[in-house]
N, C-alpha and C. Protein backbone atom coordinates (compact mmCIF):
# COMPACT_ATOMS: atom_id res chain seq x y z
N UNK A 1 1.49 -6.99 -33.99
CA UNK A 1 0.25 -6.75 -33.27
C UNK A 1 0.06 -5.27 -33.08
N UNK A 2 -1.16 -4.86 -33.20
CA UNK A 2 -1.41 -3.44 -33.04
C UNK A 2 -2.05 -3.19 -31.68
N UNK A 3 -1.70 -2.07 -31.07
CA UNK A 3 -2.26 -1.74 -29.77
C UNK A 3 -3.63 -1.12 -29.93
N UNK A 4 -4.51 -1.43 -29.02
CA UNK A 4 -5.82 -0.78 -29.00
C UNK A 4 -5.62 0.67 -28.60
N UNK A 5 -6.48 1.56 -29.09
CA UNK A 5 -6.30 2.97 -28.77
C UNK A 5 -6.42 3.23 -27.28
N UNK A 6 -7.34 2.58 -26.62
CA UNK A 6 -7.45 2.73 -25.16
C UNK A 6 -7.72 1.37 -24.56
N UNK A 7 -6.82 0.92 -23.72
CA UNK A 7 -6.99 -0.38 -23.11
C UNK A 7 -7.97 -0.26 -21.95
N UNK A 8 -8.96 -1.14 -21.91
CA UNK A 8 -9.87 -1.11 -20.76
C UNK A 8 -9.18 -1.67 -19.52
N UNK A 9 -9.59 -1.20 -18.37
CA UNK A 9 -9.07 -1.71 -17.11
C UNK A 9 -9.66 -3.09 -16.86
N UNK A 10 -8.82 -4.03 -16.52
CA UNK A 10 -9.26 -5.40 -16.27
C UNK A 10 -9.02 -5.75 -14.82
N UNK A 11 -9.86 -6.63 -14.28
CA UNK A 11 -9.62 -7.18 -12.95
C UNK A 11 -9.91 -8.66 -13.00
N UNK A 12 -9.04 -9.40 -12.33
CA UNK A 12 -9.21 -10.84 -12.26
C UNK A 12 -8.87 -11.29 -10.85
N UNK A 13 -9.66 -12.20 -10.31
CA UNK A 13 -9.36 -12.78 -9.00
C UNK A 13 -8.71 -14.12 -9.25
N UNK A 14 -7.55 -14.31 -8.63
CA UNK A 14 -6.72 -15.48 -8.90
C UNK A 14 -6.54 -16.30 -7.62
N UNK A 15 -6.92 -17.58 -7.65
CA UNK A 15 -6.59 -18.42 -6.50
C UNK A 15 -5.13 -18.85 -6.61
N UNK A 16 -4.40 -18.76 -5.50
CA UNK A 16 -2.97 -19.09 -5.49
C UNK A 16 -2.72 -20.08 -4.35
N UNK A 17 -2.01 -21.17 -4.66
CA UNK A 17 -1.60 -22.13 -3.64
C UNK A 17 -0.11 -21.96 -3.40
N UNK A 18 0.30 -21.89 -2.14
CA UNK A 18 1.71 -21.80 -1.77
C UNK A 18 2.01 -22.95 -0.81
N UNK A 19 2.86 -23.88 -1.24
CA UNK A 19 3.21 -25.02 -0.37
C UNK A 19 3.99 -24.52 0.83
N UNK A 20 4.00 -25.33 1.89
CA UNK A 20 4.78 -24.96 3.07
C UNK A 20 6.27 -24.86 2.73
N UNK A 21 6.73 -25.69 1.79
CA UNK A 21 8.14 -25.64 1.37
C UNK A 21 8.45 -24.26 0.78
N UNK A 22 7.57 -23.78 -0.09
CA UNK A 22 7.77 -22.46 -0.70
C UNK A 22 7.61 -21.34 0.33
N UNK A 23 6.63 -21.47 1.22
CA UNK A 23 6.44 -20.47 2.29
C UNK A 23 7.69 -20.39 3.17
N UNK A 24 8.30 -21.54 3.41
CA UNK A 24 9.53 -21.57 4.21
C UNK A 24 10.67 -20.85 3.49
N UNK A 25 10.79 -21.04 2.17
CA UNK A 25 11.83 -20.33 1.40
C UNK A 25 11.63 -18.82 1.50
N UNK A 26 10.38 -18.38 1.38
CA UNK A 26 10.07 -16.95 1.45
C UNK A 26 10.37 -16.42 2.85
N UNK A 27 9.96 -17.16 3.88
CA UNK A 27 10.20 -16.73 5.26
C UNK A 27 11.69 -16.61 5.55
N UNK A 28 12.49 -17.53 5.00
CA UNK A 28 13.93 -17.48 5.22
C UNK A 28 14.52 -16.18 4.67
N UNK A 29 13.98 -15.69 3.55
CA UNK A 29 14.48 -14.43 2.98
C UNK A 29 14.32 -13.28 3.97
N UNK A 30 13.27 -13.31 4.76
CA UNK A 30 12.98 -12.21 5.67
C UNK A 30 13.53 -12.42 7.08
N UNK A 31 13.59 -13.68 7.53
CA UNK A 31 13.90 -13.92 8.93
C UNK A 31 15.32 -14.39 9.23
N UNK A 32 15.94 -15.15 8.32
CA UNK A 32 17.30 -15.64 8.60
C UNK A 32 18.25 -14.44 8.65
N UNK A 33 19.02 -14.37 9.72
CA UNK A 33 19.93 -13.24 9.93
C UNK A 33 19.33 -12.14 10.77
N UNK A 34 18.01 -12.17 10.98
CA UNK A 34 17.36 -11.16 11.80
C UNK A 34 17.81 -11.31 13.24
N UNK A 35 17.96 -10.18 13.92
CA UNK A 35 18.43 -10.19 15.31
C UNK A 35 17.30 -9.78 16.25
N UNK A 36 17.19 -10.53 17.33
CA UNK A 36 16.33 -10.15 18.44
C UNK A 36 17.27 -9.53 19.46
N UNK A 37 17.19 -8.24 19.64
CA UNK A 37 18.18 -7.54 20.45
C UNK A 37 17.47 -6.55 21.36
N UNK A 38 17.47 -6.86 22.66
CA UNK A 38 16.87 -5.96 23.63
C UNK A 38 17.44 -6.27 25.00
N UNK A 39 18.04 -5.29 25.62
CA UNK A 39 18.60 -5.49 26.96
C UNK A 39 19.63 -6.60 26.97
N UNK A 40 19.38 -7.63 27.82
CA UNK A 40 20.29 -8.76 27.94
C UNK A 40 20.16 -9.73 26.78
N UNK A 41 19.14 -9.58 25.98
CA UNK A 41 18.86 -10.53 24.90
C UNK A 41 19.55 -10.10 23.61
N UNK A 42 20.32 -11.01 23.03
CA UNK A 42 20.95 -10.79 21.73
C UNK A 42 20.96 -12.13 21.01
N UNK A 43 19.97 -12.34 20.15
CA UNK A 43 19.79 -13.62 19.48
C UNK A 43 19.69 -13.38 17.98
N UNK A 44 20.35 -14.24 17.19
CA UNK A 44 20.29 -14.18 15.73
C UNK A 44 19.58 -15.44 15.22
N UNK A 45 18.65 -15.26 14.27
CA UNK A 45 17.95 -16.39 13.67
C UNK A 45 18.85 -17.00 12.60
N UNK A 46 19.17 -18.30 12.73
CA UNK A 46 20.03 -19.00 11.78
C UNK A 46 19.23 -19.74 10.71
N UNK A 47 18.08 -20.27 11.09
CA UNK A 47 17.29 -21.07 10.16
C UNK A 47 15.85 -21.09 10.64
N UNK A 48 14.95 -21.48 9.74
CA UNK A 48 13.53 -21.55 10.09
C UNK A 48 12.89 -22.72 9.36
N UNK A 49 11.98 -23.39 10.03
CA UNK A 49 11.17 -24.45 9.42
C UNK A 49 9.71 -24.11 9.67
N UNK A 50 8.85 -24.36 8.67
CA UNK A 50 7.42 -24.03 8.78
C UNK A 50 6.60 -25.22 8.30
N UNK A 51 5.52 -25.49 9.03
CA UNK A 51 4.55 -26.50 8.59
C UNK A 51 3.25 -26.29 9.36
N UNK A 52 2.24 -27.00 8.95
CA UNK A 52 0.96 -26.99 9.67
C UNK A 52 0.96 -28.17 10.62
N UNK A 53 0.45 -27.96 11.82
CA UNK A 53 0.38 -29.04 12.80
C UNK A 53 -0.83 -28.81 13.69
N UNK A 54 -1.75 -29.75 13.68
CA UNK A 54 -2.94 -29.69 14.55
C UNK A 54 -3.73 -28.39 14.39
N UNK A 55 -3.91 -27.94 13.16
CA UNK A 55 -4.71 -26.74 12.91
C UNK A 55 -4.00 -25.43 13.17
N UNK A 56 -2.72 -25.48 13.50
CA UNK A 56 -1.94 -24.26 13.72
C UNK A 56 -0.71 -24.29 12.83
N UNK A 57 -0.11 -23.13 12.66
CA UNK A 57 1.15 -23.06 11.93
C UNK A 57 2.28 -23.24 12.94
N UNK A 58 3.22 -24.08 12.60
CA UNK A 58 4.36 -24.44 13.46
C UNK A 58 5.61 -23.82 12.86
N UNK A 59 6.29 -22.96 13.62
CA UNK A 59 7.55 -22.34 13.22
C UNK A 59 8.64 -22.81 14.17
N UNK A 60 9.73 -23.28 13.62
CA UNK A 60 10.88 -23.64 14.44
C UNK A 60 12.04 -22.75 14.02
N UNK A 61 12.47 -21.90 14.94
CA UNK A 61 13.56 -20.97 14.67
C UNK A 61 14.83 -21.48 15.36
N UNK A 62 15.87 -21.73 14.57
CA UNK A 62 17.15 -22.12 15.14
C UNK A 62 17.92 -20.83 15.41
N UNK A 63 18.41 -20.66 16.65
CA UNK A 63 19.03 -19.39 17.03
C UNK A 63 20.40 -19.59 17.66
N UNK A 64 21.15 -18.48 17.69
CA UNK A 64 22.43 -18.46 18.41
C UNK A 64 22.56 -17.09 19.06
N UNK A 65 23.40 -17.02 20.07
CA UNK A 65 23.62 -15.77 20.79
C UNK A 65 23.40 -16.00 22.27
N UNK A 66 22.71 -15.07 22.91
CA UNK A 66 22.39 -15.21 24.32
C UNK A 66 21.64 -16.52 24.56
N UNK A 67 20.86 -16.93 23.57
CA UNK A 67 20.12 -18.18 23.64
C UNK A 67 20.48 -19.01 22.42
N UNK A 68 21.18 -20.12 22.62
CA UNK A 68 21.50 -21.06 21.54
C UNK A 68 20.52 -22.21 21.63
N UNK A 69 19.70 -22.36 20.65
CA UNK A 69 18.75 -23.46 20.66
C UNK A 69 17.60 -23.17 19.71
N UNK A 70 16.55 -23.93 19.86
CA UNK A 70 15.37 -23.77 19.01
C UNK A 70 14.27 -23.05 19.77
N UNK A 71 13.65 -22.10 19.08
CA UNK A 71 12.46 -21.44 19.59
C UNK A 71 11.31 -21.97 18.74
N UNK A 72 10.38 -22.65 19.38
CA UNK A 72 9.25 -23.26 18.69
C UNK A 72 8.02 -22.37 18.91
N UNK A 73 7.43 -21.92 17.83
CA UNK A 73 6.25 -21.05 17.90
C UNK A 73 5.11 -21.76 17.19
N UNK A 74 3.96 -21.86 17.86
CA UNK A 74 2.75 -22.32 17.19
C UNK A 74 1.71 -21.21 17.34
N UNK A 75 0.95 -21.00 16.26
CA UNK A 75 -0.03 -19.93 16.27
C UNK A 75 -1.03 -20.15 15.14
N UNK A 76 -2.14 -19.44 15.22
CA UNK A 76 -3.14 -19.44 14.15
C UNK A 76 -2.99 -18.12 13.39
N UNK A 77 -2.50 -18.16 12.15
CA UNK A 77 -2.40 -16.91 11.38
C UNK A 77 -3.78 -16.47 10.90
N UNK A 78 -4.05 -15.19 11.09
CA UNK A 78 -5.33 -14.60 10.67
C UNK A 78 -5.01 -13.40 9.80
N UNK A 79 -5.50 -13.40 8.56
CA UNK A 79 -5.24 -12.30 7.64
C UNK A 79 -6.11 -11.11 7.99
N UNK A 80 -5.49 -9.94 8.17
CA UNK A 80 -6.17 -8.67 8.46
C UNK A 80 -6.11 -7.82 7.19
N UNK A 81 -7.16 -7.86 6.40
CA UNK A 81 -7.18 -7.19 5.10
C UNK A 81 -6.95 -5.67 5.22
N UNK A 82 -7.57 -5.05 6.22
CA UNK A 82 -7.46 -3.59 6.37
C UNK A 82 -6.01 -3.15 6.56
N UNK A 83 -5.22 -3.98 7.23
CA UNK A 83 -3.82 -3.65 7.52
C UNK A 83 -2.86 -4.34 6.57
N UNK A 84 -3.36 -5.21 5.70
CA UNK A 84 -2.57 -5.98 4.74
C UNK A 84 -1.43 -6.73 5.44
N UNK A 85 -1.80 -7.43 6.51
CA UNK A 85 -0.81 -8.21 7.24
C UNK A 85 -1.48 -9.40 7.89
N UNK A 86 -0.64 -10.28 8.41
CA UNK A 86 -1.12 -11.47 9.09
C UNK A 86 -0.84 -11.32 10.58
N UNK A 87 -1.87 -11.49 11.40
CA UNK A 87 -1.70 -11.53 12.85
C UNK A 87 -1.62 -12.98 13.28
N UNK A 88 -0.91 -13.23 14.37
CA UNK A 88 -0.77 -14.58 14.88
C UNK A 88 -1.50 -14.67 16.21
N UNK A 89 -2.64 -15.40 16.20
CA UNK A 89 -3.45 -15.55 17.40
C UNK A 89 -3.08 -16.86 18.09
N UNK A 90 -3.39 -16.95 19.37
CA UNK A 90 -3.10 -18.14 20.18
C UNK A 90 -1.63 -18.53 20.08
N UNK A 91 -0.76 -17.52 20.15
CA UNK A 91 0.68 -17.75 20.03
C UNK A 91 1.19 -18.51 21.25
N UNK A 92 1.89 -19.62 20.98
CA UNK A 92 2.48 -20.42 22.04
C UNK A 92 3.98 -20.54 21.74
N UNK A 93 4.78 -20.41 22.76
CA UNK A 93 6.23 -20.40 22.58
C UNK A 93 6.87 -21.47 23.47
N UNK A 94 7.76 -22.27 22.85
CA UNK A 94 8.54 -23.25 23.60
C UNK A 94 9.99 -23.04 23.22
N UNK A 95 10.86 -23.21 24.18
CA UNK A 95 12.27 -23.03 23.92
C UNK A 95 13.01 -24.28 24.34
N UNK A 96 13.85 -24.79 23.44
CA UNK A 96 14.59 -26.03 23.70
C UNK A 96 16.08 -25.77 23.55
N UNK A 97 16.82 -26.07 24.62
CA UNK A 97 18.27 -25.93 24.60
C UNK A 97 18.89 -27.01 25.48
N UNK A 98 20.09 -27.40 25.15
CA UNK A 98 20.80 -28.39 25.95
C UNK A 98 21.63 -27.74 27.05
N UNK A 99 21.80 -26.42 26.99
CA UNK A 99 22.64 -25.69 27.93
C UNK A 99 21.86 -25.40 29.22
N UNK A 100 22.34 -25.91 30.35
CA UNK A 100 21.66 -25.75 31.63
C UNK A 100 21.54 -24.29 32.03
N UNK A 101 22.59 -23.51 31.82
CA UNK A 101 22.56 -22.08 32.15
C UNK A 101 21.48 -21.37 31.34
N UNK A 102 21.41 -21.71 30.04
CA UNK A 102 20.42 -21.06 29.18
C UNK A 102 19.00 -21.47 29.54
N UNK A 103 18.82 -22.69 30.05
CA UNK A 103 17.48 -23.10 30.49
C UNK A 103 16.98 -22.17 31.59
N UNK A 104 17.90 -21.78 32.50
CA UNK A 104 17.53 -20.84 33.55
C UNK A 104 17.21 -19.46 32.98
N UNK A 105 17.95 -19.07 31.94
CA UNK A 105 17.70 -17.77 31.30
C UNK A 105 16.36 -17.73 30.60
N UNK A 106 15.89 -18.89 30.13
CA UNK A 106 14.62 -18.94 29.42
C UNK A 106 13.52 -18.32 30.26
N UNK A 107 13.50 -18.65 31.54
CA UNK A 107 12.48 -18.12 32.44
C UNK A 107 12.58 -16.59 32.49
N UNK A 108 13.81 -16.08 32.59
CA UNK A 108 14.00 -14.63 32.68
C UNK A 108 13.72 -13.90 31.37
N UNK A 109 14.09 -14.52 30.25
CA UNK A 109 14.01 -13.84 28.96
C UNK A 109 12.77 -14.19 28.13
N UNK A 110 11.96 -15.12 28.61
CA UNK A 110 10.82 -15.61 27.82
C UNK A 110 9.91 -14.48 27.33
N UNK A 111 9.49 -13.60 28.21
CA UNK A 111 8.56 -12.53 27.81
C UNK A 111 9.23 -11.58 26.81
N UNK A 112 10.52 -11.29 27.02
CA UNK A 112 11.26 -10.43 26.09
C UNK A 112 11.31 -11.09 24.71
N UNK A 113 11.59 -12.39 24.68
CA UNK A 113 11.65 -13.10 23.40
C UNK A 113 10.27 -13.12 22.74
N UNK A 114 9.21 -13.35 23.52
CA UNK A 114 7.86 -13.33 22.96
C UNK A 114 7.55 -11.98 22.31
N UNK A 115 7.87 -10.89 23.01
CA UNK A 115 7.60 -9.54 22.47
C UNK A 115 8.40 -9.30 21.20
N UNK A 116 9.68 -9.70 21.20
CA UNK A 116 10.52 -9.50 20.02
C UNK A 116 10.02 -10.34 18.84
N UNK A 117 9.58 -11.58 19.11
CA UNK A 117 9.03 -12.42 18.04
C UNK A 117 7.76 -11.81 17.46
N UNK A 118 6.91 -11.29 18.32
CA UNK A 118 5.68 -10.65 17.84
C UNK A 118 6.02 -9.48 16.91
N UNK A 119 7.03 -8.69 17.27
CA UNK A 119 7.47 -7.58 16.40
C UNK A 119 8.02 -8.11 15.08
N UNK A 120 8.82 -9.18 15.17
CA UNK A 120 9.45 -9.75 13.98
C UNK A 120 8.40 -10.31 13.02
N UNK A 121 7.35 -10.92 13.56
CA UNK A 121 6.31 -11.50 12.72
C UNK A 121 5.29 -10.47 12.25
N UNK A 122 5.37 -9.25 12.79
CA UNK A 122 4.43 -8.19 12.44
C UNK A 122 4.92 -7.44 11.20
N UNK A 123 4.88 -8.11 10.06
CA UNK A 123 5.31 -7.49 8.81
C UNK A 123 4.12 -7.44 7.85
N UNK A 124 4.05 -6.36 7.09
CA UNK A 124 2.98 -6.27 6.11
C UNK A 124 3.34 -7.14 4.91
N UNK A 125 2.35 -7.40 4.10
CA UNK A 125 2.53 -8.25 2.93
C UNK A 125 2.85 -7.45 1.68
N UNK A 126 3.10 -6.14 1.83
CA UNK A 126 3.35 -5.28 0.67
C UNK A 126 4.53 -5.76 -0.17
N UNK A 127 5.65 -6.06 0.48
CA UNK A 127 6.84 -6.45 -0.29
C UNK A 127 6.66 -7.77 -1.04
N UNK A 128 6.14 -8.85 -0.40
CA UNK A 128 5.93 -10.08 -1.17
C UNK A 128 4.92 -9.90 -2.32
N UNK A 129 3.89 -9.10 -2.09
CA UNK A 129 2.90 -8.87 -3.15
C UNK A 129 3.53 -8.09 -4.30
N UNK A 130 4.37 -7.11 -3.99
CA UNK A 130 5.06 -6.36 -5.05
C UNK A 130 6.02 -7.26 -5.83
N UNK A 131 6.67 -8.21 -5.15
CA UNK A 131 7.53 -9.16 -5.85
C UNK A 131 6.71 -10.02 -6.81
N UNK A 132 5.55 -10.49 -6.37
CA UNK A 132 4.66 -11.27 -7.22
C UNK A 132 4.19 -10.44 -8.41
N UNK A 133 3.87 -9.19 -8.17
CA UNK A 133 3.44 -8.27 -9.24
C UNK A 133 4.53 -8.14 -10.30
N UNK A 134 5.78 -7.99 -9.89
CA UNK A 134 6.89 -7.89 -10.84
C UNK A 134 7.07 -9.17 -11.65
N UNK A 135 6.93 -10.32 -10.99
CA UNK A 135 7.04 -11.61 -11.70
C UNK A 135 5.94 -11.74 -12.74
N UNK A 136 4.71 -11.40 -12.37
CA UNK A 136 3.58 -11.51 -13.30
C UNK A 136 3.79 -10.58 -14.49
N UNK A 137 4.21 -9.34 -14.24
CA UNK A 137 4.42 -8.40 -15.35
C UNK A 137 5.54 -8.85 -16.28
N UNK A 138 6.57 -9.46 -15.73
CA UNK A 138 7.65 -10.01 -16.56
C UNK A 138 7.10 -11.12 -17.46
N UNK A 139 6.26 -11.97 -16.90
CA UNK A 139 5.67 -13.07 -17.66
C UNK A 139 4.70 -12.58 -18.72
N UNK A 140 4.05 -11.44 -18.47
CA UNK A 140 3.07 -10.91 -19.43
C UNK A 140 3.72 -10.35 -20.70
N UNK A 141 4.97 -10.01 -20.63
CA UNK A 141 5.64 -9.43 -21.79
C UNK A 141 5.74 -10.48 -22.90
N UNK A 142 4.88 -10.37 -23.89
CA UNK A 142 4.92 -11.28 -25.03
C UNK A 142 4.46 -12.69 -24.70
N UNK A 143 3.53 -12.86 -23.80
CA UNK A 143 3.06 -14.18 -23.39
C UNK A 143 2.12 -14.77 -24.44
N UNK A 144 2.42 -15.98 -24.87
CA UNK A 144 1.54 -16.66 -25.82
C UNK A 144 0.76 -17.72 -25.05
N UNK A 145 -0.55 -17.47 -24.89
CA UNK A 145 -1.39 -18.35 -24.10
C UNK A 145 -1.71 -19.65 -24.84
N UNK A 146 -1.80 -19.59 -26.13
CA UNK A 146 -2.10 -20.75 -26.98
C UNK A 146 -1.67 -20.38 -28.39
N UNK A 147 -1.61 -21.36 -29.30
CA UNK A 147 -1.28 -21.00 -30.67
C UNK A 147 -2.24 -19.92 -31.18
N UNK A 148 -1.71 -18.86 -31.70
CA UNK A 148 -2.45 -17.73 -32.25
C UNK A 148 -3.14 -16.86 -31.21
N UNK A 149 -2.87 -17.07 -29.91
CA UNK A 149 -3.45 -16.22 -28.86
C UNK A 149 -2.31 -15.65 -28.04
N UNK A 150 -2.15 -14.33 -28.11
CA UNK A 150 -1.11 -13.62 -27.37
C UNK A 150 -1.76 -12.70 -26.34
N UNK A 151 -1.08 -12.55 -25.21
CA UNK A 151 -1.57 -11.67 -24.16
C UNK A 151 -0.48 -10.65 -23.87
N UNK A 152 -0.85 -9.38 -23.81
CA UNK A 152 0.09 -8.34 -23.42
C UNK A 152 -0.61 -7.44 -22.40
N UNK A 153 0.16 -6.65 -21.74
CA UNK A 153 -0.42 -5.70 -20.79
C UNK A 153 0.43 -5.54 -19.57
N UNK A 154 -0.16 -4.90 -18.58
CA UNK A 154 0.55 -4.65 -17.33
C UNK A 154 -0.46 -4.68 -16.19
N UNK A 155 -0.10 -5.42 -15.14
CA UNK A 155 -0.90 -5.43 -13.92
C UNK A 155 -0.40 -4.26 -13.08
N UNK A 156 -1.29 -3.36 -12.71
CA UNK A 156 -0.91 -2.17 -11.94
C UNK A 156 -0.87 -2.42 -10.44
N UNK A 157 -1.77 -3.28 -9.97
CA UNK A 157 -1.80 -3.54 -8.53
C UNK A 157 -2.39 -4.90 -8.24
N UNK A 158 -1.99 -5.44 -7.10
CA UNK A 158 -2.51 -6.71 -6.61
C UNK A 158 -2.87 -6.53 -5.14
N UNK A 159 -3.96 -7.16 -4.76
CA UNK A 159 -4.38 -7.14 -3.36
C UNK A 159 -4.69 -8.55 -2.91
N UNK A 160 -4.30 -8.87 -1.71
CA UNK A 160 -4.67 -10.14 -1.12
C UNK A 160 -6.07 -9.99 -0.52
N UNK A 161 -7.00 -10.83 -0.96
CA UNK A 161 -8.38 -10.75 -0.49
C UNK A 161 -8.65 -11.68 0.68
N UNK A 162 -7.99 -12.85 0.65
CA UNK A 162 -8.27 -13.87 1.66
C UNK A 162 -7.08 -14.82 1.77
N UNK A 163 -6.88 -15.39 2.95
CA UNK A 163 -5.83 -16.37 3.16
C UNK A 163 -6.35 -17.44 4.11
N UNK A 164 -6.16 -18.70 3.70
CA UNK A 164 -6.46 -19.83 4.57
C UNK A 164 -5.28 -20.80 4.48
N UNK A 165 -5.28 -21.81 5.34
CA UNK A 165 -4.17 -22.77 5.31
C UNK A 165 -4.68 -24.16 5.70
N UNK A 166 -3.89 -25.15 5.32
CA UNK A 166 -4.17 -26.54 5.68
C UNK A 166 -2.85 -27.29 5.71
N UNK A 167 -2.90 -28.60 5.81
CA UNK A 167 -1.69 -29.42 5.95
C UNK A 167 -0.71 -29.25 4.79
N UNK A 168 -1.20 -29.01 3.56
CA UNK A 168 -0.33 -28.92 2.39
C UNK A 168 0.25 -27.53 2.15
N UNK A 169 -0.40 -26.49 2.67
CA UNK A 169 0.12 -25.15 2.44
C UNK A 169 -0.92 -24.07 2.63
N UNK A 170 -0.62 -22.92 2.04
CA UNK A 170 -1.47 -21.73 2.13
C UNK A 170 -2.31 -21.57 0.87
N UNK A 171 -3.53 -21.11 1.03
CA UNK A 171 -4.38 -20.78 -0.10
C UNK A 171 -4.67 -19.28 -0.04
N UNK A 172 -4.36 -18.59 -1.13
CA UNK A 172 -4.55 -17.15 -1.20
C UNK A 172 -5.53 -16.82 -2.30
N UNK A 173 -6.33 -15.79 -2.09
CA UNK A 173 -7.21 -15.26 -3.13
C UNK A 173 -6.68 -13.86 -3.43
N UNK A 174 -6.16 -13.66 -4.65
CA UNK A 174 -5.50 -12.41 -5.02
C UNK A 174 -6.32 -11.71 -6.10
N UNK A 175 -6.52 -10.39 -5.95
CA UNK A 175 -7.17 -9.58 -6.98
C UNK A 175 -6.09 -8.82 -7.72
N UNK A 176 -6.08 -8.96 -9.05
CA UNK A 176 -5.10 -8.27 -9.90
C UNK A 176 -5.84 -7.31 -10.81
N UNK A 177 -5.38 -6.04 -10.86
CA UNK A 177 -6.00 -5.02 -11.71
C UNK A 177 -4.95 -4.41 -12.62
N UNK A 178 -5.34 -4.21 -13.85
CA UNK A 178 -4.43 -3.61 -14.82
C UNK A 178 -5.06 -3.57 -16.19
N UNK A 179 -4.22 -3.38 -17.19
CA UNK A 179 -4.68 -3.30 -18.58
C UNK A 179 -4.13 -4.52 -19.33
N UNK A 180 -5.01 -5.41 -19.68
CA UNK A 180 -4.63 -6.65 -20.34
C UNK A 180 -5.31 -6.71 -21.70
N UNK A 181 -4.55 -7.12 -22.71
CA UNK A 181 -5.10 -7.28 -24.06
C UNK A 181 -4.86 -8.70 -24.54
N UNK A 182 -5.88 -9.28 -25.13
CA UNK A 182 -5.76 -10.58 -25.79
C UNK A 182 -5.78 -10.32 -27.28
N UNK A 183 -4.80 -10.85 -27.97
CA UNK A 183 -4.75 -10.74 -29.43
C UNK A 183 -4.93 -12.12 -30.02
N UNK A 184 -5.85 -12.23 -30.94
CA UNK A 184 -6.04 -13.48 -31.66
C UNK A 184 -5.60 -13.24 -33.09
N UNK A 185 -4.57 -14.00 -33.52
CA UNK A 185 -4.10 -13.88 -34.90
C UNK A 185 -5.14 -14.44 -35.86
N UNK A 186 -5.00 -14.10 -37.12
CA UNK A 186 -5.94 -14.56 -38.13
C UNK A 186 -5.98 -16.08 -38.19
N UNK A 187 -7.16 -16.58 -38.12
CA UNK A 187 -7.36 -18.02 -38.20
C UNK A 187 -7.91 -18.32 -39.60
N UNK A 188 -7.21 -19.17 -40.29
CA UNK A 188 -7.67 -19.53 -41.64
C UNK A 188 -8.78 -20.55 -41.54
N UNK A 189 -9.87 -20.23 -42.24
CA UNK A 189 -11.00 -21.17 -42.25
C UNK A 189 -10.80 -22.23 -43.30
N UNK A 190 -11.14 -23.46 -42.96
CA UNK A 190 -11.03 -24.50 -43.98
C UNK A 190 -12.11 -24.28 -45.06
N UNK A 191 -11.78 -24.61 -46.27
CA UNK A 191 -12.76 -24.47 -47.36
C UNK A 191 -13.82 -25.55 -47.22
N UNK A 192 -15.04 -25.13 -47.43
CA UNK A 192 -16.15 -26.07 -47.35
C UNK A 192 -16.46 -26.52 -48.78
N UNK A 193 -16.49 -27.81 -49.00
CA UNK A 193 -16.72 -28.35 -50.34
C UNK A 193 -18.19 -28.52 -50.63
């Protein structure tokens, strides 16, 4: 295949569906092992579960440390395009533990835990988008879309345009920009009699 002398810049908007199972795997990469550490509070996140429940996103964080138990967070995620991050509105926090002493601590530490969780959830989407960009570029290397149709190129940047969610997962609208080339190999025409 021969390269074009100058590849035109291409842009494509891609709808992406992410199941809650996959979102949970991604969240575990960032949150498991994270420590909430401030003053008397020293808690480590051991595990996380995510799903949609009653129009909100439900997060269950299993923790150990000053507080051993589950921290249940429900919130409405709202994508803030200007900041490239997700804010969590109407955040509600419940804490469940079997330890009587820790139940008393919940009252004292609740606001501290809420503030630390808000900080922990305040992450930009730059890193996950860059990971997706690397995966797409790897797939583009010598990609054959159909017999006799090859695609080559490189996506230079991706932006999240919109995010919504429902019971099955997240729906993302992603804009990808880069230089993409479609090559169509010679197609032999049948002889007409």
